[in-house]
């Protein structure tokens, strides 16, 4: 699954999930509504936000899955006609950057090390029953 997703992240659909192409179709009417509205608050998952922001920044759909959309951030979109400006306001919440660039090797036969090269660092939450009082630690994959 991981390799198939790496090969075509735009069109790849997890079992029982949706692809970026599916999301783009689903948010198309939302974009039309947003263009004709003022002072709207949108709270969503990163993939949906990537599609919305990609549209407003006039990006190619192939770029959407790899756009950096930070977690725990207010993204203020303002416009002058069809010229959109984004302002990122980071909230004081510790988190990792989950943006993952497309790997050079997307083969299903690649090694685990090759597959993990572009996986972002993440927080490893220790077992609170074994390590009481210890907090999350940042773990680098590569």
C-alpha atoms as a PDB file:
ATOM      1  CA  UNK A   1       0.000   0.000   0.000  1.00  0.00           C
ATOM      2  CA  UNK A   2       2.757   2.435   0.986  1.00  0.00           C
ATOM      3  CA  UNK A   3       4.635   1.939  -2.315  1.00  0.00           C
ATOM      4  CA  UNK A   4       1.465   2.217  -4.403  1.00  0.00           C
ATOM      5  CA  UNK A   5       0.620   5.480  -2.640  1.00  0.00           C
ATOM      6  CA  UNK A   6       4.152   6.782  -3.280  1.00  0.00           C
ATOM      7  CA  UNK A   7       3.827   5.954  -6.985  1.00  0.00           C
ATOM      8  CA  UNK A   8       0.734   8.166  -7.478  1.00  0.00           C
ATOM      9  CA  UNK A   9      -0.280   9.987  -4.305  1.00  0.00           C
ATOM     10  CA  UNK A  10      -2.755  12.179  -6.233  1.00  0.00           C
ATOM     11  CA  UNK A  11      -4.887   9.238  -7.391  1.00  0.00           C
ATOM     12  CA  UNK A  12      -4.075   6.591  -4.784  1.00  0.00           C
ATOM     13  CA  UNK A  13      -7.023   5.568  -2.624  1.00  0.00           C
ATOM     14  CA  UNK A  14      -6.497   3.664   0.634  1.00  0.00           C
ATOM     15  CA  UNK A  15      -8.993   0.821   1.137  1.00  0.00           C
ATOM     16  CA  UNK A  16     -12.262   2.450   2.233  1.00  0.00           C
ATOM     17  CA  UNK A  17     -10.646   5.872   1.831  1.00  0.00           C
ATOM     18  CA  UNK A  18     -10.511   8.583  -0.791  1.00  0.00           C
ATOM     19  CA  UNK A  19      -7.828   9.956  -3.084  1.00  0.00           C
ATOM     20  CA  UNK A  20      -6.826  13.569  -3.566  1.00  0.00           C
ATOM     21  CA  UNK A  21      -8.796  13.463  -6.841  1.00  0.00           C
ATOM     22  CA  UNK A  22     -11.865  12.340  -4.858  1.00  0.00           C
ATOM     23  CA  UNK A  23     -11.325  15.160  -2.364  1.00  0.00           C
ATOM     24  CA  UNK A  24     -10.956  17.735  -5.148  1.00  0.00           C
ATOM     25  CA  UNK A  25     -14.324  16.645  -6.579  1.00  0.00           C
ATOM     26  CA  UNK A  26     -15.917  16.798  -3.137  1.00  0.00           C
ATOM     27  CA  UNK A  27     -14.604  20.290  -2.293  1.00  0.00           C
ATOM     28  CA  UNK A  28     -15.345  21.864  -5.685  1.00  0.00           C
ATOM     29  CA  UNK A  29     -18.763  23.203  -4.568  1.00  0.00           C
ATOM     30  CA  UNK A  30     -17.202  24.346  -1.283  1.00  0.00           C
ATOM     31  CA  UNK A  31     -14.613  26.392  -3.196  1.00  0.00           C
ATOM     32  CA  UNK A  32     -17.375  28.101  -5.189  1.00  0.00           C
ATOM     33  CA  UNK A  33     -19.151  28.923  -1.926  1.00  0.00           C
ATOM     34  CA  UNK A  34     -15.944  30.206  -0.295  1.00  0.00           C
ATOM     35  CA  UNK A  35     -15.246  32.508  -3.240  1.00  0.00           C
ATOM     36  CA  UNK A  36     -18.612  34.202  -2.704  1.00  0.00           C
ATOM     37  CA  UNK A  37     -18.417  34.441   1.086  1.00  0.00           C
ATOM     38  CA  UNK A  38     -16.776  36.608   3.714  1.00  0.00           C
ATOM     39  CA  UNK A  39     -15.367  35.633   7.102  1.00  0.00           C
ATOM     40  CA  UNK A  40     -15.656  31.856   6.886  1.00  0.00           C
ATOM     41  CA  UNK A  41     -13.950  29.462   9.300  1.00  0.00           C
ATOM     42  CA  UNK A  42     -12.878  26.115   7.826  1.00  0.00           C
ATOM     43  CA  UNK A  43     -11.588  23.370  10.111  1.00  0.00           C
ATOM     44  CA  UNK A  44     -10.389  20.326   8.245  1.00  0.00           C
ATOM     45  CA  UNK A  45      -7.837  17.588   7.693  1.00  0.00           C
ATOM     46  CA  UNK A  46      -4.560  18.334   5.914  1.00  0.00           C
ATOM     47  CA  UNK A  47      -5.516  16.634   2.638  1.00  0.00           C
ATOM     48  CA  UNK A  48      -8.672  18.741   2.289  1.00  0.00           C
ATOM     49  CA  UNK A  49      -6.767  21.890   3.230  1.00  0.00           C
ATOM     50  CA  UNK A  50      -4.095  21.042   0.642  1.00  0.00           C
ATOM     51  CA  UNK A  51      -6.785  20.877  -2.037  1.00  0.00           C
ATOM     52  CA  UNK A  52      -8.374  24.163  -0.956  1.00  0.00           C
ATOM     53  CA  UNK A  53      -5.051  25.987  -0.657  1.00  0.00           C
ATOM     54  CA  UNK A  54      -3.791  24.457  -3.905  1.00  0.00           C
ATOM     55  CA  UNK A  55      -6.813  25.880  -5.691  1.00  0.00           C
ATOM     56  CA  UNK A  56      -6.417  29.339  -4.158  1.00  0.00           C
ATOM     57  CA  UNK A  57      -2.698  29.416  -5.004  1.00  0.00           C
ATOM     58  CA  UNK A  58      -3.380  28.158  -8.556  1.00  0.00           C
ATOM     59  CA  UNK A  59      -1.162  25.084  -8.116  1.00  0.00           C
ATOM     60  CA  UNK A  60      -1.258  22.048 -10.391  1.00  0.00           C
ATOM     61  CA  UNK A  61      -3.260  19.151  -8.887  1.00  0.00           C
ATOM     62  CA  UNK A  62      -0.108  16.972  -8.962  1.00  0.00           C
ATOM     63  CA  UNK A  63       1.443  19.410  -6.452  1.00  0.00           C
ATOM     64  CA  UNK A  64      -1.437  19.258  -3.937  1.00  0.00           C
ATOM     65  CA  UNK A  65      -0.359  16.078  -2.083  1.00  0.00           C
ATOM     66  CA  UNK A  66       3.109  17.495  -1.448  1.00  0.00           C
ATOM     67  CA  UNK A  67       2.147  21.008  -0.333  1.00  0.00           C
ATOM     68  CA  UNK A  68       3.235  21.957   3.153  1.00  0.00           C
ATOM     69  CA  UNK A  69       0.187  22.572   5.330  1.00  0.00           C
ATOM     70  CA  UNK A  70       1.352  22.870   8.940  1.00  0.00           C
ATOM     71  CA  UNK A  71      -0.595  21.360  11.812  1.00  0.00           C
ATOM     72  CA  UNK A  72      -2.140  23.532  14.537  1.00  0.00           C
ATOM     73  CA  UNK A  73      -2.042  26.625  12.353  1.00  0.00           C
ATOM     74  CA  UNK A  74      -4.629  29.231  11.468  1.00  0.00           C
ATOM     75  CA  UNK A  75      -4.450  29.942   7.755  1.00  0.00           C
ATOM     76  CA  UNK A  76      -5.983  33.281   6.884  1.00  0.00           C
ATOM     77  CA  UNK A  77      -6.906  33.643   3.221  1.00  0.00           C
ATOM     78  CA  UNK A  78      -7.578  37.106   1.849  1.00  0.00           C
ATOM     79  CA  UNK A  79      -8.296  38.052  -1.720  1.00  0.00           C
ATOM     80  CA  UNK A  80      -8.262  40.905  -4.140  1.00  0.00           C
ATOM     81  CA  UNK A  81     -10.401  39.537  -6.939  1.00  0.00           C
ATOM     82  CA  UNK A  82      -8.910  36.178  -7.832  1.00  0.00           C
ATOM     83  CA  UNK A  83      -5.506  36.999  -6.345  1.00  0.00           C
ATOM     84  CA  UNK A  84      -5.276  35.155  -3.007  1.00  0.00           C
ATOM     85  CA  UNK A  85      -2.874  35.794  -0.155  1.00  0.00           C
ATOM     86  CA  UNK A  86      -2.248  33.322   2.681  1.00  0.00           C
ATOM     87  CA  UNK A  87      -1.121  34.187   6.186  1.00  0.00           C
ATOM     88  CA  UNK A  88      -0.026  31.370   8.501  1.00  0.00           C
ATOM     89  CA  UNK A  89      -0.535  31.924  12.240  1.00  0.00           C
ATOM     90  CA  UNK A  90       1.117  29.121  14.199  1.00  0.00           C
ATOM     91  CA  UNK A  91      -0.557  28.133  17.461  1.00  0.00           C
ATOM     92  CA  UNK A  92       1.701  27.436  20.471  1.00  0.00           C
ATOM     93  CA  UNK A  93       1.231  23.665  20.269  1.00  0.00           C
ATOM     94  CA  UNK A  94       4.254  21.397  19.968  1.00  0.00           C
ATOM     95  CA  UNK A  95       3.924  19.170  16.921  1.00  0.00           C
ATOM     96  CA  UNK A  96       5.922  17.727  14.062  1.00  0.00           C
ATOM     97  CA  UNK A  97       5.954  18.630  10.384  1.00  0.00           C
ATOM     98  CA  UNK A  98       4.027  15.854   8.622  1.00  0.00           C
ATOM     99  CA  UNK A  99       4.791  17.036   5.078  1.00  0.00           C
ATOM    100  CA  UNK A 100       6.358  14.218   3.083  1.00  0.00           C
ATOM    101  CA  UNK A 101       8.073  14.810  -0.236  1.00  0.00           C
ATOM    102  CA  UNK A 102       7.743  12.249  -3.024  1.00  0.00           C
ATOM    103  CA  UNK A 103      10.520   9.660  -2.671  1.00  0.00           C
ATOM    104  CA  UNK A 104      12.872   9.005  -5.571  1.00  0.00           C
ATOM    105  CA  UNK A 105      12.390   5.237  -5.240  1.00  0.00           C
ATOM    106  CA  UNK A 106       8.674   4.334  -5.288  1.00  0.00           C
ATOM    107  CA  UNK A 107       9.169   0.672  -6.170  1.00  0.00           C
ATOM    108  CA  UNK A 108       7.216  -1.961  -4.261  1.00  0.00           C
ATOM    109  CA  UNK A 109      10.506  -3.917  -4.108  1.00  0.00           C
ATOM    110  CA  UNK A 110      12.459  -1.202  -2.288  1.00  0.00           C
ATOM    111  CA  UNK A 111      13.986  -1.772   1.113  1.00  0.00           C
ATOM    112  CA  UNK A 112      12.287  -0.566   4.285  1.00  0.00           C
ATOM    113  CA  UNK A 113      15.111   1.946   4.721  1.00  0.00           C
ATOM    114  CA  UNK A 114      14.441   3.326   1.216  1.00  0.00           C
ATOM    115  CA  UNK A 115      10.717   3.564   1.931  1.00  0.00           C
ATOM    116  CA  UNK A 116      11.297   5.544   5.129  1.00  0.00           C
ATOM    117  CA  UNK A 117      13.780   8.092   3.750  1.00  0.00           C
ATOM    118  CA  UNK A 118      11.127  10.791   3.265  1.00  0.00           C
ATOM    119  CA  UNK A 119       8.963   9.896   6.282  1.00  0.00           C
ATOM    120  CA  UNK A 120       8.975  12.892   8.630  1.00  0.00           C
ATOM    121  CA  UNK A 121      10.152  12.693  12.215  1.00  0.00           C
ATOM    122  CA  UNK A 122       7.380  11.984  14.693  1.00  0.00           C
ATOM    123  CA  UNK A 123       6.735  12.039  18.390  1.00  0.00           C
ATOM    124  CA  UNK A 124       7.075   8.721  20.142  1.00  0.00           C
ATOM    125  CA  UNK A 125       4.709   8.672  23.112  1.00  0.00           C
ATOM    126  CA  UNK A 126       6.181   6.489  25.863  1.00  0.00           C
ATOM    127  CA  UNK A 127       3.967   4.065  27.740  1.00  0.00           C
ATOM    128  CA  UNK A 128       2.805   6.102  30.767  1.00  0.00           C
ATOM    129  CA  UNK A 129       2.403   2.920  32.822  1.00  0.00           C
ATOM    130  CA  UNK A 130       6.054   1.963  32.373  1.00  0.00           C
ATOM    131  CA  UNK A 131       7.533   5.481  32.374  1.00  0.00           C
ATOM    132  CA  UNK A 132       5.325   7.674  34.545  1.00  0.00           C
ATOM    133  CA  UNK A 133       5.981  11.367  34.128  1.00  0.00           C
ATOM    134  CA  UNK A 134       7.902  11.034  30.865  1.00  0.00           C
ATOM    135  CA  UNK A 135       6.681  13.090  27.933  1.00  0.00           C
ATOM    136  CA  UNK A 136       6.855  12.600  24.186  1.00  0.00           C
ATOM    137  CA  UNK A 137      10.247  12.440  22.518  1.00  0.00           C
ATOM    138  CA  UNK A 138      11.039  13.391  18.948  1.00  0.00           C
ATOM    139  CA  UNK A 139      12.118  10.387  16.871  1.00  0.00           C
ATOM    140  CA  UNK A 140      13.947  10.767  13.547  1.00  0.00           C
ATOM    141  CA  UNK A 141      13.197   8.081  10.972  1.00  0.00           C
ATOM    142  CA  UNK A 142      16.332   8.650   8.895  1.00  0.00           C
END
